[in-house]
Amino acid sequence: MENAIQITIIDREGKENLIEAPVDMNLNVMEVCKLYELPVKGECGGMALCATCQCYLESNTQLDEQSEQELDMLDQAFFVQTNSRLACQIRVKEELNGMVLRLAPESL
């Protein structure tokens, strides 16, 4: 894929999925996961209102600072760790090439 980066998404069974994400379509990581049919619900449609796309950053990739809305949602979510992010709040851009994310557990 031209104008794309590679991201590794580790699913809930521990399988690594190397995916290509276009950098010229203004997508977020949650949308890309859905395109690849990875088990990310994204019930709120990417508005940072549900945390069903929570993931853990497992690489040293520098992400944009979390918004107050993302921090508030993670404050109410389960399984939150220091490296928790909402995939819907991570915009796909060239600087994220090689990023590794792990999907957070779905339920208790």
N, C-alpha and C. Protein backbone atom coordinates (compact mmCIF):
# COMPACT_ATOMS: atom_id res chain seq x y z
N MET A 1 0.86 -1.18 0.00
CA MET A 1 0.00 0.00 0.00
C MET A 1 0.90 1.23 0.00
N GLU A 2 0.67 2.10 -0.95
CA GLU A 2 1.43 3.34 -1.02
C GLU A 2 0.92 4.31 0.04
N ASN A 3 1.79 5.17 0.56
CA ASN A 3 1.42 6.13 1.62
C ASN A 3 0.85 5.42 2.83
N ALA A 4 1.54 4.37 3.27
CA ALA A 4 1.05 3.60 4.42
C ALA A 4 2.20 3.32 5.38
N ILE A 5 1.83 3.05 6.61
CA ILE A 5 2.79 2.64 7.62
C ILE A 5 2.41 1.24 8.09
N GLN A 6 3.32 0.59 8.80
CA GLN A 6 3.03 -0.71 9.37
C GLN A 6 2.90 -0.59 10.88
N ILE A 7 1.85 -1.20 11.40
CA ILE A 7 1.58 -1.23 12.83
C ILE A 7 1.34 -2.69 13.22
N THR A 8 1.85 -3.08 14.37
CA THR A 8 1.57 -4.42 14.89
C THR A 8 0.51 -4.31 15.97
N ILE A 9 -0.57 -5.06 15.80
CA ILE A 9 -1.65 -5.12 16.79
C ILE A 9 -1.64 -6.54 17.37
N ILE A 10 -1.44 -6.64 18.68
CA ILE A 10 -1.47 -7.94 19.35
C ILE A 10 -2.89 -8.15 19.86
N ASP A 11 -3.55 -9.19 19.37
CA ASP A 11 -4.94 -9.41 19.77
C ASP A 11 -5.02 -10.04 21.15
N ARG A 12 -6.21 -10.31 21.61
CA ARG A 12 -6.43 -10.80 22.97
C ARG A 12 -5.96 -12.25 23.18
N GLU A 13 -5.67 -12.95 22.09
CA GLU A 13 -5.12 -14.30 22.19
C GLU A 13 -3.59 -14.29 22.10
N GLY A 14 -3.01 -13.10 21.95
CA GLY A 14 -1.56 -12.97 21.86
C GLY A 14 -1.00 -13.05 20.46
N LYS A 15 -1.85 -13.13 19.45
CA LYS A 15 -1.40 -13.20 18.05
C LYS A 15 -1.02 -11.81 17.56
N GLU A 16 0.15 -11.72 16.94
CA GLU A 16 0.61 -10.46 16.37
C GLU A 16 0.06 -10.30 14.96
N ASN A 17 -0.59 -9.17 14.70
CA ASN A 17 -1.16 -8.87 13.39
C ASN A 17 -0.43 -7.67 12.83
N LEU A 18 0.36 -7.87 11.77
CA LEU A 18 1.05 -6.77 11.12
C LEU A 18 0.10 -6.19 10.09
N ILE A 19 -0.27 -4.94 10.30
CA ILE A 19 -1.25 -4.32 9.40
C ILE A 19 -0.65 -3.07 8.75
N GLU A 20 -1.17 -2.75 7.59
CA GLU A 20 -0.79 -1.53 6.90
C GLU A 20 -1.90 -0.52 7.09
N ALA A 21 -1.49 0.69 7.46
CA ALA A 21 -2.46 1.75 7.71
C ALA A 21 -2.14 2.95 6.83
N PRO A 22 -3.11 3.40 6.03
CA PRO A 22 -2.86 4.54 5.16
C PRO A 22 -2.69 5.83 5.97
N VAL A 23 -1.71 6.64 5.58
CA VAL A 23 -1.46 7.90 6.30
C VAL A 23 -2.17 9.08 5.63
N ASP A 24 -2.79 8.85 4.50
CA ASP A 24 -3.39 9.96 3.74
C ASP A 24 -4.92 9.97 3.78
N MET A 25 -5.51 9.24 4.75
CA MET A 25 -6.97 9.18 4.82
C MET A 25 -7.54 9.71 6.13
N ASN A 26 -6.69 10.26 7.00
CA ASN A 26 -7.11 10.82 8.29
C ASN A 26 -7.86 9.81 9.16
N LEU A 27 -7.40 8.56 9.14
CA LEU A 27 -8.02 7.51 9.94
C LEU A 27 -7.38 7.47 11.33
N ASN A 28 -8.11 6.87 12.26
CA ASN A 28 -7.51 6.59 13.56
C ASN A 28 -7.26 5.08 13.65
N VAL A 29 -6.52 4.65 14.66
CA VAL A 29 -6.13 3.25 14.78
C VAL A 29 -7.34 2.35 14.98
N MET A 30 -8.37 2.82 15.69
CA MET A 30 -9.58 2.02 15.86
C MET A 30 -10.22 1.70 14.50
N GLU A 31 -10.30 2.69 13.64
CA GLU A 31 -10.90 2.49 12.31
C GLU A 31 -10.08 1.49 11.50
N VAL A 32 -8.77 1.58 11.60
CA VAL A 32 -7.91 0.65 10.86
C VAL A 32 -8.10 -0.77 11.41
N CYS A 33 -8.20 -0.92 12.72
CA CYS A 33 -8.44 -2.25 13.30
C CYS A 33 -9.75 -2.82 12.79
N LYS A 34 -10.78 -2.02 12.70
CA LYS A 34 -12.07 -2.49 12.19
C LYS A 34 -11.95 -2.90 10.71
N LEU A 35 -11.17 -2.15 9.93
CA LEU A 35 -10.97 -2.52 8.53
C LEU A 35 -10.34 -3.90 8.40
N TYR A 36 -9.46 -4.24 9.32
CA TYR A 36 -8.80 -5.55 9.32
C TYR A 36 -9.59 -6.59 10.12
N GLU A 37 -10.78 -6.24 10.55
CA GLU A 37 -11.67 -7.12 11.29
C GLU A 37 -11.04 -7.65 12.58
N LEU A 38 -10.25 -6.80 13.23
CA LEU A 38 -9.73 -7.14 14.55
C LEU A 38 -10.81 -6.84 15.57
N PRO A 39 -10.82 -7.54 16.70
CA PRO A 39 -11.92 -7.44 17.67
C PRO A 39 -11.91 -6.15 18.50
N VAL A 40 -12.16 -5.04 17.84
CA VAL A 40 -12.26 -3.74 18.50
C VAL A 40 -13.68 -3.25 18.27
N LYS A 41 -14.41 -3.00 19.35
CA LYS A 41 -15.81 -2.61 19.19
C LYS A 41 -15.98 -1.16 18.74
N GLY A 42 -15.38 -0.24 19.43
CA GLY A 42 -15.51 1.16 19.05
C GLY A 42 -16.96 1.60 19.06
N GLU A 43 -17.68 1.25 20.12
CA GLU A 43 -19.13 1.48 20.19
C GLU A 43 -19.53 2.94 20.03
N CYS A 44 -18.68 3.87 20.43
CA CYS A 44 -19.05 5.29 20.35
C CYS A 44 -18.67 5.91 19.01
N GLY A 45 -18.06 5.12 18.13
CA GLY A 45 -17.70 5.63 16.81
C GLY A 45 -16.47 6.52 16.81
N GLY A 46 -15.68 6.46 17.84
CA GLY A 46 -14.44 7.22 17.86
C GLY A 46 -14.51 8.55 18.59
N MET A 47 -15.49 8.70 19.46
CA MET A 47 -15.69 9.97 20.16
C MET A 47 -15.07 9.99 21.56
N ALA A 48 -14.33 8.95 21.93
CA ALA A 48 -13.71 8.82 23.27
C ALA A 48 -14.77 8.81 24.36
N LEU A 49 -15.86 8.07 24.11
CA LEU A 49 -16.97 8.02 25.06
C LEU A 49 -17.24 6.62 25.61
N CYS A 50 -16.44 5.60 25.20
CA CYS A 50 -16.81 4.25 25.64
C CYS A 50 -15.64 3.38 26.09
N ALA A 51 -14.44 3.61 25.66
CA ALA A 51 -13.25 2.83 26.01
C ALA A 51 -13.27 1.39 25.48
N THR A 52 -14.15 1.07 24.52
CA THR A 52 -14.16 -0.28 23.97
C THR A 52 -13.05 -0.49 22.94
N CYS A 53 -12.22 0.51 22.74
CA CYS A 53 -11.06 0.38 21.85
C CYS A 53 -9.76 0.56 22.64
N GLN A 54 -9.84 0.38 23.96
CA GLN A 54 -8.64 0.56 24.78
C GLN A 54 -7.54 -0.41 24.35
N CYS A 55 -6.33 0.10 24.30
CA CYS A 55 -5.18 -0.72 23.96
C CYS A 55 -3.99 -0.27 24.80
N TYR A 56 -2.93 -1.05 24.74
CA TYR A 56 -1.72 -0.74 25.49
C TYR A 56 -0.59 -0.49 24.49
N LEU A 57 0.09 0.62 24.64
CA LEU A 57 1.24 0.93 23.80
C LEU A 57 2.42 0.10 24.28
N GLU A 58 2.92 -0.78 23.42
CA GLU A 58 4.00 -1.68 23.82
C GLU A 58 5.32 -1.36 23.14
N SER A 59 5.37 -0.29 22.39
CA SER A 59 6.62 0.15 21.76
C SER A 59 6.99 1.52 22.32
N ASN A 60 8.15 1.99 21.96
CA ASN A 60 8.59 3.31 22.43
C ASN A 60 8.13 4.43 21.52
N THR A 61 7.07 4.20 20.78
CA THR A 61 6.53 5.19 19.86
C THR A 61 6.03 6.41 20.62
N GLN A 62 6.41 7.58 20.15
CA GLN A 62 5.96 8.82 20.77
C GLN A 62 4.58 9.19 20.23
N LEU A 63 3.57 9.18 21.09
CA LEU A 63 2.21 9.54 20.70
C LEU A 63 1.91 10.96 21.14
N ASP A 64 0.89 11.55 20.52
CA ASP A 64 0.43 12.86 20.96
C ASP A 64 -0.05 12.76 22.40
N GLU A 65 0.01 13.87 23.10
CA GLU A 65 -0.45 13.90 24.49
C GLU A 65 -1.94 13.57 24.56
N GLN A 66 -2.32 12.87 25.60
CA GLN A 66 -3.73 12.50 25.76
C GLN A 66 -4.57 13.73 26.07
N SER A 67 -5.77 13.77 25.48
CA SER A 67 -6.70 14.86 25.75
C SER A 67 -7.38 14.62 27.10
N GLU A 68 -7.98 15.65 27.64
CA GLU A 68 -8.73 15.50 28.90
C GLU A 68 -9.86 14.49 28.72
N GLN A 69 -10.49 14.49 27.56
CA GLN A 69 -11.60 13.57 27.29
C GLN A 69 -11.10 12.11 27.31
N GLU A 70 -9.95 11.85 26.71
CA GLU A 70 -9.40 10.49 26.72
C GLU A 70 -9.03 10.08 28.15
N LEU A 71 -8.39 10.97 28.88
CA LEU A 71 -8.01 10.67 30.26
C LEU A 71 -9.24 10.41 31.13
N ASP A 72 -10.29 11.20 30.94
CA ASP A 72 -11.53 11.00 31.70
C ASP A 72 -12.15 9.64 31.40
N MET A 73 -12.14 9.24 30.13
CA MET A 73 -12.73 7.95 29.76
C MET A 73 -11.90 6.81 30.32
N LEU A 74 -10.58 6.91 30.25
CA LEU A 74 -9.73 5.85 30.81
C LEU A 74 -9.88 5.77 32.32
N ASP A 75 -10.20 6.89 32.95
CA ASP A 75 -10.40 6.91 34.40
C ASP A 75 -11.60 6.05 34.81
N GLN A 76 -12.52 5.83 33.88
CA GLN A 76 -13.73 5.04 34.15
C GLN A 76 -13.65 3.62 33.59
N ALA A 77 -12.58 3.30 32.86
CA ALA A 77 -12.47 2.01 32.18
C ALA A 77 -11.87 0.95 33.09
N PHE A 78 -12.03 -0.30 32.69
CA PHE A 78 -11.42 -1.44 33.37
C PHE A 78 -10.06 -1.73 32.75
N PHE A 79 -9.21 -2.44 33.48
CA PHE A 79 -7.92 -2.92 33.00
C PHE A 79 -6.96 -1.81 32.56
N VAL A 80 -7.10 -0.62 33.10
CA VAL A 80 -6.25 0.51 32.72
C VAL A 80 -4.85 0.31 33.28
N GLN A 81 -3.86 0.57 32.43
CA GLN A 81 -2.46 0.53 32.82
C GLN A 81 -1.82 1.87 32.47
N THR A 82 -0.59 2.05 32.87
CA THR A 82 0.09 3.33 32.61
C THR A 82 0.28 3.58 31.12
N ASN A 83 0.28 2.52 30.30
CA ASN A 83 0.45 2.66 28.86
C ASN A 83 -0.87 2.54 28.09
N SER A 84 -2.00 2.68 28.80
CA SER A 84 -3.32 2.59 28.15
C SER A 84 -3.58 3.80 27.27
N ARG A 85 -4.18 3.52 26.12
CA ARG A 85 -4.63 4.57 25.20
C ARG A 85 -5.95 4.12 24.59
N LEU A 86 -6.69 5.06 24.06
CA LEU A 86 -7.87 4.74 23.27
C LEU A 86 -7.45 4.78 21.81
N ALA A 87 -7.64 3.66 21.11
CA ALA A 87 -7.21 3.57 19.72
C ALA A 87 -7.88 4.62 18.84
N CYS A 88 -9.09 5.02 19.21
CA CYS A 88 -9.81 6.02 18.42
C CYS A 88 -9.17 7.41 18.52
N GLN A 89 -8.30 7.60 19.50
CA GLN A 89 -7.67 8.90 19.69
C GLN A 89 -6.24 8.95 19.14
N ILE A 90 -5.83 7.86 18.47
CA ILE A 90 -4.49 7.81 17.87
C ILE A 90 -4.66 7.95 16.35
N ARG A 91 -4.33 9.10 15.83
CA ARG A 91 -4.42 9.35 14.39
C ARG A 91 -3.25 8.69 13.68
N VAL A 92 -3.53 8.02 12.58
CA VAL A 92 -2.49 7.37 11.80
C VAL A 92 -1.66 8.44 11.09
N LYS A 93 -0.35 8.40 11.36
CA LYS A 93 0.57 9.33 10.70
C LYS A 93 1.93 8.64 10.58
N GLU A 94 2.77 9.15 9.72
CA GLU A 94 4.03 8.49 9.40
C GLU A 94 4.91 8.23 10.61
N GLU A 95 4.87 9.09 11.60
CA GLU A 95 5.70 8.93 12.80
C GLU A 95 5.35 7.68 13.60
N LEU A 96 4.22 7.06 13.32
CA LEU A 96 3.79 5.86 14.06
C LEU A 96 4.25 4.56 13.42
N ASN A 97 4.99 4.65 12.32
CA ASN A 97 5.46 3.45 11.63
C ASN A 97 6.24 2.57 12.61
N GLY A 98 5.86 1.30 12.69
CA GLY A 98 6.52 0.35 13.58
C GLY A 98 5.90 0.26 14.97
N MET A 99 4.87 1.04 15.24
CA MET A 99 4.22 1.03 16.55
C MET A 99 3.65 -0.36 16.86
N VAL A 100 3.68 -0.72 18.14
CA VAL A 100 3.11 -1.99 18.60
C VAL A 100 2.07 -1.68 19.67
N LEU A 101 0.86 -2.17 19.46
CA LEU A 101 -0.24 -2.01 20.42
C LEU A 101 -0.79 -3.39 20.77
N ARG A 102 -1.25 -3.52 22.01
CA ARG A 102 -1.92 -4.75 22.47
C ARG A 102 -3.35 -4.38 22.84
N LEU A 103 -4.33 -5.15 22.35
CA LEU A 103 -5.72 -4.89 22.70
C LEU A 103 -5.95 -5.22 24.17
N ALA A 104 -6.65 -4.35 24.87
CA ALA A 104 -6.98 -4.57 26.28
C ALA A 104 -8.07 -5.65 26.38
N PRO A 105 -8.15 -6.35 27.52
CA PRO A 105 -9.23 -7.33 27.70
C PRO A 105 -10.59 -6.67 27.53
N GLU A 106 -11.57 -7.47 27.09
CA GLU A 106 -12.90 -6.95 26.84
C GLU A 106 -13.77 -6.88 28.07
N SER A 107 -13.69 -7.88 28.94
CA SER A 107 -14.62 -7.93 30.07
C SER A 107 -13.95 -8.52 31.30
N LEU A 108 -14.64 -8.42 32.40
CA LEU A 108 -14.12 -8.94 33.66
C LEU A 108 -14.14 -10.45 33.70
